[in-house]
Amino acid sequence: MTADASVPFGAERRRYVVRREAMTRDELFARGWGETDLHTRPWPAAVHAYVIEPDGAERPLAHVVHHSPDGLEYGYGGSGPADLARSILIDFFGLHRAPDRLPISYYQEFKRQFIATADRNVKSLEISGAAIASWVRDQRGPTRR
């Protein structure tokens, strides 16, 4: 994949919604919580991401783990935001079977412009497929050749 990548048909009509929500039971158990902890401590939050298809159907965004095994994040330039940017672009371009085709410089730039600049204190973030498509087209500009 290069900066000459074209926008896949229909991808512009998707939306990516990222929410800070209570962790699921499975996430808590994976972090070492026991059944007793569920009733004695407040549940921590985690970042979950969803793809909203043009017909309104919502599905979880697959976290393609590369930098952050602990999960997705936004609002700064670390490993969680890098995995969020990478996972969104892998979904946008349909690269689930070949995620390594997405160059690190590409998703790191996407992270800098869309993910790291988001307010970390907001409970949700939305990125339209149209905004991503516009960003992809801008990457083809004369400064990227």
N, C-alpha and C. Protein backbone atom coordinates (compact mmCIF):
# COMPACT_ATOMS: atom_id res chain seq x y z
N MET A 1 0.84 -1.18 0.00
CA MET A 1 0.00 0.00 0.00
C MET A 1 0.88 1.23 0.00
N THR A 2 0.51 2.18 -0.78
CA THR A 2 1.25 3.43 -0.86
C THR A 2 0.29 4.58 -0.69
N ALA A 3 0.83 5.77 -0.72
CA ALA A 3 -0.01 6.97 -0.64
C ALA A 3 -0.91 7.09 -1.86
N ASP A 4 -0.69 6.27 -2.88
CA ASP A 4 -1.54 6.28 -4.06
C ASP A 4 -2.78 5.41 -3.88
N ALA A 5 -2.97 4.87 -2.68
CA ALA A 5 -4.10 3.98 -2.43
C ALA A 5 -5.42 4.69 -2.75
N SER A 6 -6.31 3.94 -3.36
CA SER A 6 -7.61 4.51 -3.65
C SER A 6 -8.59 4.14 -2.54
N VAL A 7 -9.62 4.94 -2.44
CA VAL A 7 -10.64 4.73 -1.41
C VAL A 7 -11.55 3.60 -1.87
N PRO A 8 -11.71 2.57 -1.06
CA PRO A 8 -12.58 1.45 -1.44
C PRO A 8 -14.03 1.90 -1.60
N PHE A 9 -14.73 1.25 -2.50
CA PHE A 9 -16.14 1.57 -2.74
C PHE A 9 -16.93 1.44 -1.44
N GLY A 10 -17.70 2.45 -1.12
CA GLY A 10 -18.56 2.43 0.06
C GLY A 10 -17.90 2.85 1.36
N ALA A 11 -16.58 2.90 1.41
CA ALA A 11 -15.89 3.22 2.66
C ALA A 11 -16.18 4.65 3.12
N GLU A 12 -16.42 5.55 2.19
CA GLU A 12 -16.70 6.94 2.54
C GLU A 12 -18.01 7.09 3.33
N ARG A 13 -18.88 6.12 3.22
CA ARG A 13 -20.18 6.24 3.88
C ARG A 13 -20.19 5.59 5.27
N ARG A 14 -19.06 4.98 5.67
CA ARG A 14 -18.96 4.42 7.02
C ARG A 14 -18.63 5.52 8.02
N ARG A 15 -18.85 5.21 9.28
CA ARG A 15 -18.41 6.08 10.37
C ARG A 15 -17.69 5.21 11.39
N TYR A 16 -16.72 5.78 12.04
CA TYR A 16 -15.99 5.10 13.10
C TYR A 16 -16.27 5.86 14.40
N VAL A 17 -16.85 5.16 15.36
CA VAL A 17 -17.22 5.77 16.63
C VAL A 17 -16.38 5.10 17.71
N VAL A 18 -15.74 5.93 18.50
CA VAL A 18 -14.87 5.46 19.57
C VAL A 18 -15.47 5.97 20.87
N ARG A 19 -15.67 5.05 21.82
CA ARG A 19 -16.33 5.42 23.08
C ARG A 19 -15.51 4.96 24.28
N ARG A 20 -15.48 5.79 25.29
CA ARG A 20 -14.92 5.40 26.58
C ARG A 20 -16.09 4.85 27.39
N GLU A 21 -16.05 3.53 27.64
CA GLU A 21 -17.17 2.82 28.27
C GLU A 21 -16.64 1.95 29.41
N ALA A 22 -17.56 1.47 30.22
CA ALA A 22 -17.18 0.52 31.26
C ALA A 22 -16.61 -0.74 30.60
N MET A 23 -15.56 -1.29 31.22
CA MET A 23 -14.99 -2.53 30.70
C MET A 23 -16.02 -3.65 30.78
N THR A 24 -15.90 -4.59 29.90
CA THR A 24 -16.76 -5.77 29.94
C THR A 24 -16.23 -6.73 31.02
N ARG A 25 -17.05 -7.67 31.43
CA ARG A 25 -16.61 -8.68 32.41
C ARG A 25 -15.38 -9.41 31.90
N ASP A 26 -15.38 -9.78 30.63
CA ASP A 26 -14.23 -10.50 30.06
C ASP A 26 -12.96 -9.67 30.14
N GLU A 27 -13.07 -8.36 29.86
CA GLU A 27 -11.89 -7.49 29.96
C GLU A 27 -11.37 -7.43 31.39
N LEU A 28 -12.30 -7.35 32.35
CA LEU A 28 -11.89 -7.30 33.76
C LEU A 28 -11.23 -8.61 34.19
N PHE A 29 -11.81 -9.73 33.80
CA PHE A 29 -11.22 -11.02 34.15
C PHE A 29 -9.84 -11.17 33.51
N ALA A 30 -9.68 -10.69 32.27
CA ALA A 30 -8.39 -10.77 31.59
C ALA A 30 -7.33 -9.93 32.31
N ARG A 31 -7.77 -8.93 33.06
CA ARG A 31 -6.84 -8.08 33.81
C ARG A 31 -6.65 -8.57 35.25
N GLY A 32 -7.15 -9.76 35.53
CA GLY A 32 -6.92 -10.36 36.82
C GLY A 32 -7.98 -10.13 37.88
N TRP A 33 -9.08 -9.51 37.52
CA TRP A 33 -10.17 -9.33 38.49
C TRP A 33 -10.84 -10.66 38.74
N GLY A 34 -11.33 -10.86 39.96
CA GLY A 34 -12.11 -12.03 40.30
C GLY A 34 -13.58 -11.66 40.45
N GLU A 35 -14.41 -12.65 40.64
CA GLU A 35 -15.85 -12.43 40.78
C GLU A 35 -16.14 -11.47 41.94
N THR A 36 -15.41 -11.57 43.03
CA THR A 36 -15.63 -10.69 44.19
C THR A 36 -15.33 -9.23 43.85
N ASP A 37 -14.31 -9.01 43.03
CA ASP A 37 -13.94 -7.64 42.66
C ASP A 37 -15.07 -6.93 41.92
N LEU A 38 -15.87 -7.67 41.19
CA LEU A 38 -16.95 -7.07 40.42
C LEU A 38 -17.98 -6.39 41.30
N HIS A 39 -18.04 -6.79 42.55
CA HIS A 39 -19.04 -6.26 43.46
C HIS A 39 -18.48 -5.30 44.50
N THR A 40 -17.17 -5.17 44.56
CA THR A 40 -16.56 -4.35 45.61
C THR A 40 -15.79 -3.14 45.08
N ARG A 41 -15.53 -3.10 43.80
CA ARG A 41 -14.76 -1.98 43.25
C ARG A 41 -15.52 -1.36 42.09
N PRO A 42 -15.30 -0.06 41.86
CA PRO A 42 -15.92 0.55 40.67
C PRO A 42 -15.30 -0.04 39.40
N TRP A 43 -16.12 -0.21 38.40
CA TRP A 43 -15.62 -0.75 37.14
C TRP A 43 -14.85 0.33 36.40
N PRO A 44 -13.63 0.02 35.96
CA PRO A 44 -12.87 1.01 35.18
C PRO A 44 -13.40 1.09 33.75
N ALA A 45 -13.00 2.15 33.08
CA ALA A 45 -13.41 2.36 31.69
C ALA A 45 -12.33 1.86 30.74
N ALA A 46 -12.76 1.58 29.54
CA ALA A 46 -11.86 1.20 28.46
C ALA A 46 -12.37 1.86 27.18
N VAL A 47 -11.52 1.94 26.20
CA VAL A 47 -11.91 2.50 24.91
C VAL A 47 -12.33 1.36 24.00
N HIS A 48 -13.55 1.48 23.49
CA HIS A 48 -14.09 0.52 22.53
C HIS A 48 -14.40 1.28 21.24
N ALA A 49 -14.17 0.66 20.12
CA ALA A 49 -14.41 1.32 18.84
C ALA A 49 -15.39 0.49 18.02
N TYR A 50 -16.20 1.20 17.24
CA TYR A 50 -17.26 0.57 16.45
C TYR A 50 -17.26 1.14 15.04
N VAL A 51 -17.69 0.30 14.11
CA VAL A 51 -17.88 0.72 12.73
C VAL A 51 -19.38 0.82 12.51
N ILE A 52 -19.83 1.97 12.02
CA ILE A 52 -21.24 2.15 11.68
C ILE A 52 -21.32 2.10 10.15
N GLU A 53 -21.98 1.07 9.67
CA GLU A 53 -22.11 0.90 8.22
C GLU A 53 -23.15 1.88 7.68
N PRO A 54 -23.16 2.10 6.36
CA PRO A 54 -24.12 3.05 5.77
C PRO A 54 -25.59 2.73 6.10
N ASP A 55 -25.90 1.45 6.31
CA ASP A 55 -27.29 1.08 6.64
C ASP A 55 -27.60 1.23 8.13
N GLY A 56 -26.63 1.72 8.91
CA GLY A 56 -26.83 1.93 10.34
C GLY A 56 -26.39 0.77 11.21
N ALA A 57 -26.05 -0.36 10.60
CA ALA A 57 -25.60 -1.52 11.38
C ALA A 57 -24.27 -1.17 12.06
N GLU A 58 -24.18 -1.56 13.32
CA GLU A 58 -22.97 -1.28 14.10
C GLU A 58 -22.25 -2.58 14.40
N ARG A 59 -20.94 -2.58 14.23
CA ARG A 59 -20.14 -3.75 14.58
C ARG A 59 -18.89 -3.28 15.30
N PRO A 60 -18.35 -4.11 16.17
CA PRO A 60 -17.11 -3.71 16.85
C PRO A 60 -15.96 -3.62 15.84
N LEU A 61 -15.12 -2.63 16.02
CA LEU A 61 -13.90 -2.53 15.22
C LEU A 61 -12.90 -3.53 15.79
N ALA A 62 -12.35 -4.36 14.95
CA ALA A 62 -11.35 -5.32 15.41
C ALA A 62 -10.08 -4.57 15.82
N HIS A 63 -9.61 -4.83 17.03
CA HIS A 63 -8.33 -4.25 17.48
C HIS A 63 -7.23 -5.14 16.92
N VAL A 64 -6.52 -4.63 15.92
CA VAL A 64 -5.41 -5.36 15.33
C VAL A 64 -4.18 -4.97 16.15
N VAL A 65 -3.84 -5.83 17.10
CA VAL A 65 -2.80 -5.51 18.08
C VAL A 65 -1.43 -5.46 17.40
N HIS A 66 -0.77 -4.34 17.59
CA HIS A 66 0.59 -4.18 17.07
C HIS A 66 1.47 -3.46 18.10
N HIS A 67 0.95 -2.40 18.68
CA HIS A 67 1.71 -1.60 19.64
C HIS A 67 1.20 -1.75 21.06
N SER A 68 -0.10 -1.97 21.24
CA SER A 68 -0.73 -1.88 22.55
C SER A 68 -1.61 -3.09 22.86
N PRO A 69 -1.05 -4.10 23.51
CA PRO A 69 -1.89 -5.24 23.87
C PRO A 69 -2.93 -4.90 24.92
N ASP A 70 -2.76 -3.77 25.61
CA ASP A 70 -3.71 -3.37 26.64
C ASP A 70 -4.96 -2.70 26.09
N GLY A 71 -4.96 -2.32 24.82
CA GLY A 71 -6.18 -1.77 24.25
C GLY A 71 -5.98 -0.47 23.50
N LEU A 72 -7.11 0.03 23.02
CA LEU A 72 -7.15 1.25 22.21
C LEU A 72 -7.23 2.48 23.13
N GLU A 73 -6.84 3.63 22.58
CA GLU A 73 -6.90 4.88 23.33
C GLU A 73 -6.92 6.03 22.34
N TYR A 74 -7.15 7.24 22.85
CA TYR A 74 -7.11 8.45 22.02
C TYR A 74 -6.73 9.63 22.91
N GLY A 75 -6.36 10.73 22.27
CA GLY A 75 -6.07 11.95 23.01
C GLY A 75 -4.62 12.18 23.35
N TYR A 76 -3.72 11.38 22.82
CA TYR A 76 -2.28 11.57 22.98
C TYR A 76 -1.60 10.73 21.92
N GLY A 77 -0.29 10.76 21.87
CA GLY A 77 0.42 10.12 20.76
C GLY A 77 1.06 8.79 21.07
N GLY A 78 0.49 8.00 21.97
CA GLY A 78 1.11 6.75 22.38
C GLY A 78 0.72 5.51 21.60
N SER A 79 0.96 4.35 22.24
CA SER A 79 0.74 3.08 21.58
C SER A 79 -0.74 2.73 21.40
N GLY A 80 -1.58 3.04 22.39
CA GLY A 80 -3.02 2.80 22.25
C GLY A 80 -3.62 3.58 21.09
N PRO A 81 -3.29 4.89 20.98
CA PRO A 81 -3.75 5.65 19.82
C PRO A 81 -3.19 5.13 18.49
N ALA A 82 -1.95 4.63 18.50
CA ALA A 82 -1.38 4.08 17.27
C ALA A 82 -2.17 2.86 16.83
N ASP A 83 -2.52 1.99 17.78
CA ASP A 83 -3.32 0.81 17.42
C ASP A 83 -4.72 1.20 16.96
N LEU A 84 -5.29 2.25 17.55
CA LEU A 84 -6.61 2.71 17.10
C LEU A 84 -6.52 3.20 15.66
N ALA A 85 -5.54 4.04 15.36
CA ALA A 85 -5.36 4.56 14.00
C ALA A 85 -5.14 3.41 13.02
N ARG A 86 -4.27 2.50 13.38
CA ARG A 86 -3.96 1.36 12.52
C ARG A 86 -5.20 0.49 12.29
N SER A 87 -5.95 0.21 13.35
CA SER A 87 -7.14 -0.64 13.23
C SER A 87 -8.21 0.01 12.37
N ILE A 88 -8.39 1.33 12.52
CA ILE A 88 -9.37 2.04 11.69
C ILE A 88 -8.97 1.96 10.22
N LEU A 89 -7.72 2.23 9.90
CA LEU A 89 -7.29 2.22 8.50
C LEU A 89 -7.30 0.81 7.92
N ILE A 90 -6.97 -0.19 8.72
CA ILE A 90 -7.05 -1.58 8.23
C ILE A 90 -8.49 -1.90 7.85
N ASP A 91 -9.44 -1.47 8.68
CA ASP A 91 -10.85 -1.70 8.36
C ASP A 91 -11.26 -0.88 7.15
N PHE A 92 -10.89 0.38 7.12
CA PHE A 92 -11.28 1.28 6.02
C PHE A 92 -10.83 0.72 4.67
N PHE A 93 -9.58 0.23 4.61
CA PHE A 93 -9.03 -0.30 3.36
C PHE A 93 -9.30 -1.79 3.16
N GLY A 94 -9.93 -2.45 4.13
CA GLY A 94 -10.21 -3.88 4.00
C GLY A 94 -8.95 -4.73 4.01
N LEU A 95 -8.00 -4.39 4.87
CA LEU A 95 -6.72 -5.09 4.91
C LEU A 95 -6.63 -6.11 6.05
N HIS A 96 -7.76 -6.65 6.48
CA HIS A 96 -7.77 -7.57 7.61
C HIS A 96 -6.87 -8.78 7.39
N ARG A 97 -6.78 -9.24 6.17
CA ARG A 97 -5.94 -10.42 5.89
C ARG A 97 -4.48 -10.07 5.62
N ALA A 98 -4.20 -8.79 5.43
CA ALA A 98 -2.83 -8.36 5.15
C ALA A 98 -2.54 -7.03 5.84
N PRO A 99 -2.66 -6.98 7.17
CA PRO A 99 -2.50 -5.70 7.86
C PRO A 99 -1.11 -5.09 7.72
N ASP A 100 -0.11 -5.90 7.43
CA ASP A 100 1.24 -5.37 7.30
C ASP A 100 1.44 -4.58 6.00
N ARG A 101 0.45 -4.60 5.13
CA ARG A 101 0.51 -3.78 3.91
C ARG A 101 0.31 -2.30 4.22
N LEU A 102 -0.16 -1.99 5.42
CA LEU A 102 -0.38 -0.61 5.83
C LEU A 102 0.92 -0.06 6.41
N PRO A 103 1.57 0.86 5.71
CA PRO A 103 2.86 1.38 6.19
C PRO A 103 2.72 2.12 7.52
N ILE A 104 3.73 1.95 8.37
CA ILE A 104 3.71 2.59 9.68
C ILE A 104 3.62 4.10 9.55
N SER A 105 4.29 4.69 8.57
CA SER A 105 4.26 6.15 8.41
C SER A 105 2.84 6.62 8.09
N TYR A 106 2.08 5.80 7.40
CA TYR A 106 0.72 6.16 7.00
C TYR A 106 -0.20 6.24 8.22
N TYR A 107 -0.23 5.18 9.04
CA TYR A 107 -1.14 5.22 10.18
C TYR A 107 -0.63 6.12 11.29
N GLN A 108 0.69 6.32 11.37
CA GLN A 108 1.21 7.25 12.38
C GLN A 108 0.80 8.68 12.03
N GLU A 109 0.79 9.02 10.76
CA GLU A 109 0.32 10.36 10.35
C GLU A 109 -1.17 10.49 10.61
N PHE A 110 -1.93 9.45 10.33
CA PHE A 110 -3.37 9.45 10.62
C PHE A 110 -3.58 9.64 12.14
N LYS A 111 -2.79 8.94 12.94
CA LYS A 111 -2.87 9.08 14.39
C LYS A 111 -2.62 10.53 14.80
N ARG A 112 -1.57 11.14 14.26
CA ARG A 112 -1.25 12.52 14.62
C ARG A 112 -2.38 13.48 14.29
N GLN A 113 -3.03 13.28 13.15
CA GLN A 113 -4.04 14.23 12.70
C GLN A 113 -5.44 13.97 13.27
N PHE A 114 -5.79 12.72 13.55
CA PHE A 114 -7.16 12.40 13.96
C PHE A 114 -7.28 11.90 15.40
N ILE A 115 -6.34 11.12 15.86
CA ILE A 115 -6.49 10.42 17.13
C ILE A 115 -5.79 11.15 18.27
N ALA A 116 -4.56 11.54 18.07
CA ALA A 116 -3.79 12.19 19.14
C ALA A 116 -4.34 13.57 19.49
N THR A 117 -4.95 14.24 18.52
CA THR A 117 -5.47 15.59 18.75
C THR A 117 -6.85 15.61 19.39
N ALA A 118 -7.49 14.46 19.52
CA ALA A 118 -8.82 14.40 20.14
C ALA A 118 -8.71 14.72 21.63
N ASP A 119 -9.74 15.29 22.18
CA ASP A 119 -9.78 15.59 23.61
C ASP A 119 -9.92 14.28 24.38
N ARG A 120 -8.94 13.98 25.19
CA ARG A 120 -8.92 12.72 25.93
C ARG A 120 -10.05 12.62 26.95
N ASN A 121 -10.62 13.75 27.32
CA ASN A 121 -11.67 13.77 28.34
C ASN A 121 -13.08 13.56 27.79
N VAL A 122 -13.23 13.58 26.47
CA VAL A 122 -14.57 13.34 25.92
C VAL A 122 -14.88 11.85 25.96
N LYS A 123 -16.14 11.52 26.08
CA LYS A 123 -16.54 10.12 26.20
C LYS A 123 -16.66 9.42 24.85
N SER A 124 -16.76 10.21 23.76
CA SER A 124 -16.82 9.57 22.46
C SER A 124 -16.20 10.46 21.39
N LEU A 125 -15.80 9.81 20.35
CA LEU A 125 -15.13 10.44 19.23
C LEU A 125 -15.69 9.80 17.97
N GLU A 126 -15.96 10.60 16.95
CA GLU A 126 -16.48 10.04 15.70
C GLU A 126 -15.64 10.54 14.54
N ILE A 127 -15.28 9.63 13.67
CA ILE A 127 -14.52 9.96 12.46
C ILE A 127 -15.31 9.42 11.28
N SER A 128 -15.68 10.29 10.38
CA SER A 128 -16.47 9.85 9.22
C SER A 128 -15.56 9.24 8.16
N GLY A 129 -16.13 8.32 7.43
CA GLY A 129 -15.41 7.74 6.31
C GLY A 129 -15.07 8.81 5.27
N ALA A 130 -15.95 9.81 5.14
CA ALA A 130 -15.68 10.90 4.19
C ALA A 130 -14.44 11.69 4.61
N ALA A 131 -14.27 11.92 5.92
CA ALA A 131 -13.08 12.63 6.40
C ALA A 131 -11.83 11.80 6.16
N ILE A 132 -11.93 10.49 6.35
CA ILE A 132 -10.78 9.62 6.09
C ILE A 132 -10.46 9.62 4.60
N ALA A 133 -11.48 9.52 3.76
CA ALA A 133 -11.27 9.52 2.31
C ALA A 133 -10.61 10.82 1.86
N SER A 134 -11.05 11.93 2.41
CA SER A 134 -10.44 13.22 2.09
C SER A 134 -8.97 13.24 2.51
N TRP A 135 -8.69 12.72 3.70
CA TRP A 135 -7.32 12.65 4.20
C TRP A 135 -6.47 11.76 3.28
N VAL A 136 -7.02 10.63 2.84
CA VAL A 136 -6.30 9.73 1.94
C VAL A 136 -5.95 10.46 0.65
N ARG A 137 -6.91 11.20 0.10
CA ARG A 137 -6.65 11.94 -1.14
C ARG A 137 -5.58 13.00 -0.92
N ASP A 138 -5.59 13.66 0.24
CA ASP A 138 -4.56 14.67 0.55
C ASP A 138 -3.17 14.06 0.65
N GLN A 139 -3.09 12.78 1.05
CA GLN A 139 -1.80 12.12 1.16
C GLN A 139 -1.13 11.93 -0.20
N ARG A 140 -1.92 12.01 -1.25
CA ARG A 140 -1.38 11.87 -2.61
C ARG A 140 -0.82 13.17 -3.15
N GLY A 141 -0.97 14.24 -2.39
CA GLY A 141 -0.53 15.57 -2.84
C GLY A 141 0.94 15.63 -3.16
N PRO A 142 1.39 16.76 -3.71
CA PRO A 142 2.77 16.89 -4.18
C PRO A 142 3.80 16.73 -3.07
N THR A 143 3.44 17.03 -1.81
CA THR A 143 4.43 16.88 -0.74
C THR A 143 4.64 15.44 -0.33
N ARG A 144 3.82 14.51 -0.80
CA ARG A 144 3.92 13.12 -0.41
C ARG A 144 4.55 12.25 -1.49
N ARG A 145 4.94 12.79 -2.60
CA ARG A 145 5.49 11.96 -3.69
C ARG A 145 6.94 11.68 -3.51
